Amino acid sequence: MTDVLPPEAGLQVQGVFHKYTINKSSSSDSTVSIVNKNVNGSGNIYERHDNWDQLPSNTKIGFDVVNPSLGTKWGKGSITASGDATLSDVIVAYNYKFDPCYIPLSDPSCPNFKDALYQYLLDNGLLNNEPAIDDPYYDEWVQYQLDQKTEEQEEEQAAKEKKEEEEKEELRMERALSVAGAAEQIANPTQQLAMMEQMTADGKLDFYYSATIEGGKYEETITLVDSTIEDNSQALRNLKQDKLHKKIVRSQYNN
């Protein structure tokens, strides 16, 4: 089938289309067989048999859906007619689909690309050694190294943050325990009495404190140039106007 199906790996046949015209007498018997050999085993990977016993000449068109299988398993195909019948206008076509990720290394977007690349580097001794620049997967190797470095940095950062959080939590617990212990001692009457005795034993407590602030006489520093202060005529006019305004307002209410 290499001369019929494309050579791409991962190609799967999922259907067989057939068309033919059988030429025979209606009184004769004949069987049309369409088969494909199984490359990886004995027998046929596909076969179809049409019974044309006691039937006249005619044209047959059909399509068979088959369980998807790799195109590399499909061997040589044939279409034959038994008896005195002959075939003309024969067409046999194969419906197939292609899996672009059948070889994961063919595309970095394939689900198992990283695992396949790791295995390729491991098998060729390139895991810790830089491949030649003309290596078909040189770019993928560079990207793999960058991804590995990024993952290591992220893991180190996560471990560092976890450790810092654990240390903070431990410090919070220590502070909580120390505060709880101090509160318990203060609330204990016996402990309170012991604290008061220790304070009084250190010396006499002064209940009042005095402080002396040094002071003196502050001399006058402002000197008037003139012996008299002139009246502010503008202020006086404003006062007269205010007085007149109030008088006018009152007269409105008095009337």
C-alpha atoms as a PDB file:
ATOM      1  CA  MET A   1       0.000   0.000   0.000  1.00  0.00           C
ATOM      2  CA  THR A   2       3.024   2.321  -0.001  1.00  0.00           C
ATOM      3  CA  ASP A   3       2.083   3.304  -3.539  1.00  0.00           C
ATOM      4  CA  VAL A   4      -1.480   4.185  -2.503  1.00  0.00           C
ATOM      5  CA  LEU A   5      -1.331   5.701   0.998  1.00  0.00           C
ATOM      6  CA  PRO A   6       0.888   8.678   1.958  1.00  0.00           C
ATOM      7  CA  PRO A   7       4.122   7.680   3.719  1.00  0.00           C
ATOM      8  CA  GLU A   8       3.581   9.819   6.857  1.00  0.00           C
ATOM      9  CA  ALA A   9       3.891   7.967  10.135  1.00  0.00           C
ATOM     10  CA  GLY A  10       0.769   7.873  12.236  1.00  0.00           C
ATOM     11  CA  LEU A  11      -1.618   7.615   9.297  1.00  0.00           C
ATOM     12  CA  GLN A  12      -4.690   5.503  10.144  1.00  0.00           C
ATOM     13  CA  VAL A  13      -7.136   3.950   7.669  1.00  0.00           C
ATOM     14  CA  GLN A  14     -10.739   4.259   8.851  1.00  0.00           C
ATOM     15  CA  GLY A  15     -12.812   3.450   5.770  1.00  0.00           C
ATOM     16  CA  VAL A  16     -12.811   1.826   2.305  1.00  0.00           C
ATOM     17  CA  PHE A  17     -14.771   3.144  -0.682  1.00  0.00           C
ATOM     18  CA  HIS A  18     -15.434   0.957  -3.681  1.00  0.00           C
ATOM     19  CA  LYS A  19     -17.125   1.273  -7.052  1.00  0.00           C
ATOM     20  CA  TYR A  20     -17.220  -1.206  -9.890  1.00  0.00           C
ATOM     21  CA  THR A  21     -19.352  -2.484 -12.763  1.00  0.00           C
ATOM     22  CA  ILE A  22     -19.799  -6.241 -13.108  1.00  0.00           C
ATOM     23  CA  ASN A  23     -20.434  -7.706 -16.528  1.00  0.00           C
ATOM     24  CA  LYS A  24     -22.057 -11.161 -16.504  1.00  0.00           C
ATOM     25  CA  SER A  25     -25.012 -13.248 -17.519  1.00  0.00           C
ATOM     26  CA  SER A  26     -27.973 -13.279 -15.174  1.00  0.00           C
ATOM     27  CA  SER A  27     -27.917 -17.094 -15.208  1.00  0.00           C
ATOM     28  CA  SER A  28     -24.326 -17.406 -14.013  1.00  0.00           C
ATOM     29  CA  ASP A  29     -22.844 -17.209 -10.524  1.00  0.00           C
ATOM     30  CA  SER A  30     -20.096 -14.868  -9.441  1.00  0.00           C
ATOM     31  CA  THR A  31     -18.565 -13.310  -6.320  1.00  0.00           C
ATOM     32  CA  VAL A  32     -16.681 -10.011  -6.202  1.00  0.00           C
ATOM     33  CA  SER A  33     -13.973  -9.900  -3.522  1.00  0.00           C
ATOM     34  CA  ILE A  34     -12.120  -6.826  -2.266  1.00  0.00           C
ATOM     35  CA  VAL A  35      -9.236  -7.612   0.078  1.00  0.00           C
ATOM     36  CA  ASN A  36      -6.106  -6.128   1.654  1.00  0.00           C
ATOM     37  CA  LYS A  37      -3.346  -8.257   3.092  1.00  0.00           C
ATOM     38  CA  ASN A  38      -2.178  -7.845   6.683  1.00  0.00           C
ATOM     39  CA  VAL A  39       1.485  -6.792   6.583  1.00  0.00           C
ATOM     40  CA  ASN A  40       2.157  -7.656  10.231  1.00  0.00           C
ATOM     41  CA  GLY A  41       0.451 -11.052  10.232  1.00  0.00           C
ATOM     42  CA  SER A  42      -1.291 -13.730   8.234  1.00  0.00           C
ATOM     43  CA  GLY A  43      -4.641 -13.289   6.529  1.00  0.00           C
ATOM     44  CA  ASN A  44      -6.321 -10.081   5.458  1.00  0.00           C
ATOM     45  CA  ILE A  45      -6.674  -6.829   7.366  1.00  0.00           C
ATOM     46  CA  TYR A  46      -9.751  -6.018   5.255  1.00  0.00           C
ATOM     47  CA  GLU A  47     -12.012  -8.092   3.030  1.00  0.00           C
ATOM     48  CA  ARG A  48     -15.431  -7.775   1.440  1.00  0.00           C
ATOM     49  CA  HIS A  49     -17.354 -10.319  -0.649  1.00  0.00           C
ATOM     50  CA  ASP A  50     -20.373  -9.390  -2.808  1.00  0.00           C
ATOM     51  CA  ASN A  51     -22.567 -12.266  -4.015  1.00  0.00           C
ATOM     52  CA  TRP A  52     -23.782 -11.835  -7.618  1.00  0.00           C
ATOM     53  CA  ASP A  53     -25.237 -15.343  -8.154  1.00  0.00           C
ATOM     54  CA  GLN A  54     -28.070 -15.352 -10.718  1.00  0.00           C
ATOM     55  CA  LEU A  55     -27.955 -11.548 -10.984  1.00  0.00           C
ATOM     56  CA  PRO A  56     -27.542  -9.452 -14.134  1.00  0.00           C
ATOM     57  CA  SER A  57     -24.778  -6.961 -14.837  1.00  0.00           C
ATOM     58  CA  ASN A  58     -24.834  -3.815 -12.731  1.00  0.00           C
ATOM     59  CA  THR A  59     -22.790  -1.081 -11.078  1.00  0.00           C
ATOM     60  CA  LYS A  60     -22.091  -1.196  -7.360  1.00  0.00           C
ATOM     61  CA  ILE A  61     -21.054   1.730  -5.093  1.00  0.00           C
ATOM     62  CA  GLY A  62     -20.346   1.245  -1.398  1.00  0.00           C
ATOM     63  CA  PHE A  63     -18.391   2.415   1.630  1.00  0.00           C
ATOM     64  CA  ASP A  64     -17.256   0.354   4.602  1.00  0.00           C
ATOM     65  CA  VAL A  65     -16.295   1.885   7.928  1.00  0.00           C
ATOM     66  CA  VAL A  66     -13.454  -0.032   9.595  1.00  0.00           C
ATOM     67  CA  ASN A  67     -11.771   0.144  12.962  1.00  0.00           C
ATOM     68  CA  PRO A  68      -8.948   2.688  12.596  1.00  0.00           C
ATOM     69  CA  SER A  69      -5.607   0.980  12.092  1.00  0.00           C
ATOM     70  CA  LEU A  70      -2.169   2.159  11.032  1.00  0.00           C
ATOM     71  CA  GLY A  71      -1.678   2.450   7.307  1.00  0.00           C
ATOM     72  CA  THR A  72       1.623   0.585   7.639  1.00  0.00           C
ATOM     73  CA  LYS A  73      -0.385  -2.556   8.503  1.00  0.00           C
ATOM     74  CA  TRP A  74      -2.302  -2.474   5.239  1.00  0.00           C
ATOM     75  CA  GLY A  75      -0.676  -4.681   2.652  1.00  0.00           C
ATOM     76  CA  LYS A  76      -1.303  -5.308  -1.022  1.00  0.00           C
ATOM     77  CA  GLY A  77      -4.946  -4.875  -2.127  1.00  0.00           C
ATOM     78  CA  SER A  78      -6.964  -6.512  -4.887  1.00  0.00           C
ATOM     79  CA  ILE A  79     -10.469  -6.735  -6.344  1.00  0.00           C
ATOM     80  CA  THR A  80     -11.467  -9.854  -8.287  1.00  0.00           C
ATOM     81  CA  ALA A  81     -14.583 -11.539  -9.704  1.00  0.00           C
ATOM     82  CA  SER A  82     -15.032 -15.309  -9.781  1.00  0.00           C
ATOM     83  CA  GLY A  83     -16.718 -17.286 -12.563  1.00  0.00           C
ATOM     84  CA  ASP A  84     -17.312 -15.886 -16.043  1.00  0.00           C
ATOM     85  CA  ALA A  85     -17.868 -12.284 -14.830  1.00  0.00           C
ATOM     86  CA  THR A  86     -15.605  -9.359 -15.619  1.00  0.00           C
ATOM     87  CA  LEU A  87     -15.121  -6.007 -13.893  1.00  0.00           C
ATOM     88  CA  SER A  88     -14.837  -2.509 -15.356  1.00  0.00           C
ATOM     89  CA  ASP A  89     -14.712   1.095 -14.100  1.00  0.00           C
ATOM     90  CA  VAL A  90     -13.170  -0.111 -10.865  1.00  0.00           C
ATOM     91  CA  ILE A  91     -12.341   2.388  -8.090  1.00  0.00           C
ATOM     92  CA  VAL A  92     -11.099   1.486  -4.609  1.00  0.00           C
ATOM     93  CA  ALA A  93     -10.236   4.394  -2.323  1.00  0.00           C
ATOM     94  CA  TYR A  94      -9.152   4.554   1.323  1.00  0.00           C
ATOM     95  CA  ASN A  95     -10.356   7.069   3.854  1.00  0.00           C
ATOM     96  CA  TYR A  96      -7.708   7.891   6.447  1.00  0.00           C
ATOM     97  CA  LYS A  97      -6.744  10.401   9.118  1.00  0.00           C
ATOM     98  CA  PHE A  98      -3.340  11.622  10.160  1.00  0.00           C
ATOM     99  CA  ASP A  99      -2.190  12.015  13.779  1.00  0.00           C
ATOM    100  CA  PRO A 100       0.437  14.822  13.792  1.00  0.00           C
ATOM    101  CA  CYS A 101       1.543  13.780  17.291  1.00  0.00           C
ATOM    102  CA  TYR A 102       2.082  10.119  16.479  1.00  0.00           C
ATOM    103  CA  ILE A 103       5.773  11.046  16.725  1.00  0.00           C
ATOM    104  CA  PRO A 104       5.706  13.548  19.646  1.00  0.00           C
ATOM    105  CA  LEU A 105       9.028  15.102  18.608  1.00  0.00           C
ATOM    106  CA  SER A 106       7.459  16.320  15.385  1.00  0.00           C
ATOM    107  CA  ASP A 107       5.719  19.231  17.141  1.00  0.00           C
ATOM    108  CA  PRO A 108       6.493  20.962  20.488  1.00  0.00           C
ATOM    109  CA  SER A 109       2.744  21.328  21.056  1.00  0.00           C
ATOM    110  CA  CYS A 110       2.272  17.539  21.252  1.00  0.00           C
ATOM    111  CA  PRO A 111       1.256  16.311  24.753  1.00  0.00           C
ATOM    112  CA  ASN A 112       4.256  13.979  25.182  1.00  0.00           C
ATOM    113  CA  PHE A 113       6.825  16.219  23.507  1.00  0.00           C
ATOM    114  CA  LYS A 114       8.958  16.865  26.622  1.00  0.00           C
ATOM    115  CA  ASP A 115       9.096  13.184  27.555  1.00  0.00           C
ATOM    116  CA  ALA A 116      10.049  12.232  23.998  1.00  0.00           C
ATOM    117  CA  LEU A 117      12.726  14.951  23.860  1.00  0.00           C
ATOM    118  CA  TYR A 118      14.148  13.837  27.195  1.00  0.00           C
ATOM    119  CA  GLN A 119      14.353  10.255  25.911  1.00  0.00           C
ATOM    120  CA  TYR A 120      16.006  11.423  22.668  1.00  0.00           C
ATOM    121  CA  LEU A 121      18.636  13.386  24.580  1.00  0.00           C
ATOM    122  CA  LEU A 122      19.188  10.482  26.940  1.00  0.00           C
ATOM    123  CA  ASP A 123      19.558   7.936  24.120  1.00  0.00           C
ATOM    124  CA  ASN A 124      22.043  10.142  22.264  1.00  0.00           C
ATOM    125  CA  GLY A 125      24.110  11.180  25.296  1.00  0.00           C
ATOM    126  CA  LEU A 126      23.019  14.808  24.983  1.00  0.00           C
ATOM    127  CA  LEU A 127      21.241  15.220  28.295  1.00  0.00           C
ATOM    128  CA  ASN A 128      24.147  17.095  29.873  1.00  0.00           C
ATOM    129  CA  ASN A 129      26.038  17.895  26.685  1.00  0.00           C
ATOM    130  CA  GLU A 130      25.214  20.488  24.071  1.00  0.00           C
ATOM    131  CA  PRO A 131      24.303  18.912  20.704  1.00  0.00           C
ATOM    132  CA  ALA A 132      25.750  20.079  17.429  1.00  0.00           C
ATOM    133  CA  ILE A 133      24.165  23.176  15.931  1.00  0.00           C
ATOM    134  CA  ASP A 134      22.931  21.120  12.967  1.00  0.00           C
ATOM    135  CA  ASP A 135      21.136  18.625  15.193  1.00  0.00           C
ATOM    136  CA  PRO A 136      17.445  18.499  14.109  1.00  0.00           C
ATOM    137  CA  TYR A 137      16.368  19.073  17.719  1.00  0.00           C
ATOM    138  CA  TYR A 138      18.957  21.698  18.682  1.00  0.00           C
ATOM    139  CA  ASP A 139      16.330  24.442  19.162  1.00  0.00           C
ATOM    140  CA  GLU A 140      14.184  22.080  21.207  1.00  0.00           C
ATOM    141  CA  TRP A 141      17.231  21.209  23.359  1.00  0.00           C
ATOM    142  CA  VAL A 142      17.846  24.915  24.062  1.00  0.00           C
ATOM    143  CA  GLN A 143      14.205  25.428  25.009  1.00  0.00           C
ATOM    144  CA  TYR A 144      14.302  22.299  27.164  1.00  0.00           C
ATOM    145  CA  GLN A 145      17.303  23.636  29.085  1.00  0.00           C
ATOM    146  CA  LEU A 146      15.551  26.984  29.620  1.00  0.00           C
ATOM    147  CA  ASP A 147      12.400  25.251  30.828  1.00  0.00           C
ATOM    148  CA  GLN A 148      14.396  23.065  33.209  1.00  0.00           C
ATOM    149  CA  LYS A 149      16.187  26.099  34.641  1.00  0.00           C
ATOM    150  CA  THR A 150      12.896  27.939  35.084  1.00  0.00           C
ATOM    151  CA  GLU A 151      11.340  24.951  36.847  1.00  0.00           C
ATOM    152  CA  GLU A 152      14.338  24.658  39.174  1.00  0.00           C
ATOM    153  CA  GLN A 153      14.166  28.358  40.032  1.00  0.00           C
ATOM    154  CA  GLU A 154      10.439  28.113  40.709  1.00  0.00           C
ATOM    155  CA  GLU A 155      10.980  25.092  42.960  1.00  0.00           C
ATOM    156  CA  GLU A 156      13.771  26.866  44.858  1.00  0.00           C
ATOM    157  CA  GLN A 157      11.610  29.971  45.279  1.00  0.00           C
ATOM    158  CA  ALA A 158       8.673  27.884  46.495  1.00  0.00           C
ATOM    159  CA  ALA A 159      10.910  26.060  48.994  1.00  0.00           C
ATOM    160  CA  LYS A 160      12.332  29.387  50.226  1.00  0.00           C
ATOM    161  CA  GLU A 161       8.872  30.906  50.689  1.00  0.00           C
ATOM    162  CA  LYS A 162       7.693  27.786  52.510  1.00  0.00           C
ATOM    163  CA  LYS A 163      10.672  27.926  54.871  1.00  0.00           C
ATOM    164  CA  GLU A 164      10.110  31.650  55.565  1.00  0.00           C
ATOM    165  CA  GLU A 165       6.446  31.011  56.264  1.00  0.00           C
ATOM    166  CA  GLU A 166       7.318  28.188  58.653  1.00  0.00           C
ATOM    167  CA  GLU A 167       9.788  30.441  60.478  1.00  0.00           C
ATOM    168  CA  LYS A 168       7.186  33.212  60.764  1.00  0.00           C
ATOM    169  CA  GLU A 169       4.637  30.751  62.082  1.00  0.00           C
ATOM    170  CA  GLU A 170       7.136  29.435  64.626  1.00  0.00           C
ATOM    171  CA  LEU A 171       7.915  33.014  65.759  1.00  0.00           C
ATOM    172  CA  ARG A 172       4.197  33.785  66.099  1.00  0.00           C
ATOM    173  CA  MET A 173       3.750  30.693  68.233  1.00  0.00           C
ATOM    174  CA  GLU A 174       6.683  31.664  70.473  1.00  0.00           C
ATOM    175  CA  ARG A 175       5.283  35.168  70.958  1.00  0.00           C
ATOM    176  CA  ALA A 176       1.833  33.816  71.685  1.00  0.00           C
ATOM    177  CA  LEU A 177       3.203  31.392  74.251  1.00  0.00           C
ATOM    178  CA  SER A 178       5.357  34.080  75.911  1.00  0.00           C
ATOM    179  CA  VAL A 179       2.409  36.493  76.166  1.00  0.00           C
ATOM    180  CA  ALA A 180       0.184  33.761  77.517  1.00  0.00           C
ATOM    181  CA  GLY A 181       2.806  32.853  80.145  1.00  0.00           C
ATOM    182  CA  ALA A 182       3.255  36.486  81.222  1.00  0.00           C
ATOM    183  CA  ALA A 183      -0.493  37.026  81.483  1.00  0.00           C
ATOM    184  CA  GLU A 184      -0.834  33.902  83.576  1.00  0.00           C
ATOM    185  CA  GLN A 185       1.862  35.139  86.001  1.00  0.00           C
ATOM    186  CA  ILE A 186       0.308  38.613  86.290  1.00  0.00           C
ATOM    187  CA  ALA A 187      -3.103  37.121  87.020  1.00  0.00           C
ATOM    188  CA  ASN A 188      -1.628  34.980  89.807  1.00  0.00           C
ATOM    189  CA  PRO A 189      -2.162  36.781  93.208  1.00  0.00           C
ATOM    190  CA  THR A 190       0.929  35.161  94.685  1.00  0.00           C
ATOM    191  CA  GLN A 191       3.036  36.378  91.811  1.00  0.00           C
ATOM    192  CA  GLN A 192       1.566  39.889  92.148  1.00  0.00           C
ATOM    193  CA  LEU A 193       2.502  40.036  95.829  1.00  0.00           C
ATOM    194  CA  ALA A 194       6.035  38.884  95.067  1.00  0.00           C
ATOM    195  CA  MET A 195       6.372  41.591  92.408  1.00  0.00           C
ATOM    196  CA  MET A 196       5.211  44.319  94.850  1.00  0.00           C
ATOM    197  CA  GLU A 197       7.634  43.112  97.540  1.00  0.00           C
ATOM    198  CA  GLN A 198      10.506  43.235  95.066  1.00  0.00           C
ATOM    199  CA  MET A 199       9.599  46.785  94.027  1.00  0.00           C
ATOM    200  CA  THR A 200       9.442  48.060  97.620  1.00  0.00           C
ATOM    201  CA  ALA A 201      12.675  46.288  98.531  1.00  0.00           C
ATOM    202  CA  ASP A 202      14.632  48.207  95.895  1.00  0.00           C
ATOM    203  CA  GLY A 203      14.163  51.546  97.705  1.00  0.00           C
ATOM    204  CA  LYS A 204      11.679  54.193  98.769  1.00  0.00           C
ATOM    205  CA  LEU A 205       9.173  55.316  96.155  1.00  0.00           C
ATOM    206  CA  ASP A 206       8.692  59.096  95.838  1.00  0.00           C
ATOM    207  CA  PHE A 207       5.029  59.780  95.310  1.00  0.00           C
ATOM    208  CA  TYR A 208       5.586  63.445  94.303  1.00  0.00           C
ATOM    209  CA  TYR A 209       8.256  64.968  92.166  1.00  0.00           C
ATOM    210  CA  SER A 210       9.216  68.642  91.971  1.00  0.00           C
ATOM    211  CA  ALA A 211      10.931  70.527  89.207  1.00  0.00           C
ATOM    212  CA  THR A 212      12.430  74.024  89.099  1.00  0.00           C
ATOM    213  CA  ILE A 213      12.415  76.069  85.912  1.00  0.00           C
ATOM    214  CA  GLU A 214      14.974  78.845  85.790  1.00  0.00           C
ATOM    215  CA  GLY A 215      13.516  82.203  84.810  1.00  0.00           C
ATOM    216  CA  GLY A 216      14.142  85.973  85.097  1.00  0.00           C
ATOM    217  CA  LYS A 217      12.935  89.422  84.130  1.00  0.00           C
ATOM    218  CA  TYR A 218      11.878  90.052  80.556  1.00  0.00           C
ATOM    219  CA  GLU A 219      12.558  93.665  79.473  1.00  0.00           C
ATOM    220  CA  GLU A 220      10.189  95.534  77.087  1.00  0.00           C
ATOM    221  CA  THR A 221      11.643  95.689  73.604  1.00  0.00           C
ATOM    222  CA  ILE A 222       8.913  97.622  71.690  1.00  0.00           C
ATOM    223  CA  THR A 223       9.399 101.393  71.380  1.00  0.00           C
ATOM    224  CA  LEU A 224       6.782 103.864  70.026  1.00  0.00           C
ATOM    225  CA  VAL A 225       8.225 106.528  67.741  1.00  0.00           C
ATOM    226  CA  ASP A 226       5.355 109.040  68.293  1.00  0.00           C
ATOM    227  CA  SER A 227       3.894 109.853  71.677  1.00  0.00           C
ATOM    228  CA  THR A 228       0.339 109.892  70.303  1.00  0.00           C
ATOM    229  CA  ILE A 229      -1.635 107.420  68.189  1.00  0.00           C
ATOM    230  CA  GLU A 230      -3.789 108.981  65.480  1.00  0.00           C
ATOM    231  CA  ASP A 231      -7.412 107.878  65.111  1.00  0.00           C
ATOM    232  CA  ASN A 232      -8.250 105.682  62.141  1.00  0.00           C
ATOM    233  CA  SER A 233     -10.640 107.875  60.175  1.00  0.00           C
ATOM    234  CA  GLN A 234     -11.627 105.077  57.802  1.00  0.00           C
ATOM    235  CA  ALA A 235     -12.574 102.833  60.701  1.00  0.00           C
ATOM    236  CA  LEU A 236     -14.664 105.650  62.188  1.00  0.00           C
ATOM    237  CA  ARG A 237     -16.525 106.149  58.915  1.00  0.00           C
ATOM    238  CA  ASN A 238     -17.267 102.416  58.776  1.00  0.00           C
ATOM    239  CA  LEU A 239     -18.655 102.518  62.293  1.00  0.00           C
ATOM    240  CA  LYS A 240     -20.921 105.489  61.388  1.00  0.00           C
ATOM    241  CA  GLN A 241     -22.202 103.637  58.352  1.00  0.00           C
ATOM    242  CA  ASP A 242     -22.926 100.522  60.413  1.00  0.00           C
ATOM    243  CA  LYS A 243     -24.800 102.636  62.961  1.00  0.00           C
ATOM    244  CA  LEU A 244     -26.874 104.320  60.242  1.00  0.00           C
ATOM    245  CA  HIS A 245     -27.674 100.948  58.663  1.00  0.00           C
ATOM    246  CA  LYS A 246     -28.881  99.520  61.972  1.00  0.00           C
ATOM    247  CA  LYS A 247     -31.048 102.615  62.547  1.00  0.00           C
ATOM    248  CA  ILE A 248     -32.703 102.209  59.116  1.00  0.00           C
ATOM    249  CA  VAL A 249     -33.372  98.511  59.736  1.00  0.00           C
ATOM    250  CA  ARG A 250     -34.974  99.201  63.145  1.00  0.00           C
ATOM    251  CA  SER A 251     -37.181 101.935  61.703  1.00  0.00           C
ATOM    252  CA  GLN A 252     -38.714  99.399  59.307  1.00  0.00           C
ATOM    253  CA  TYR A 253     -39.821  97.176  62.187  1.00  0.00           C
ATOM    254  CA  ASN A 254     -40.957 100.077  64.382  1.00  0.00           C
ATOM    255  CA  ASN A 255     -43.333 101.354  61.720  1.00  0.00           C
END
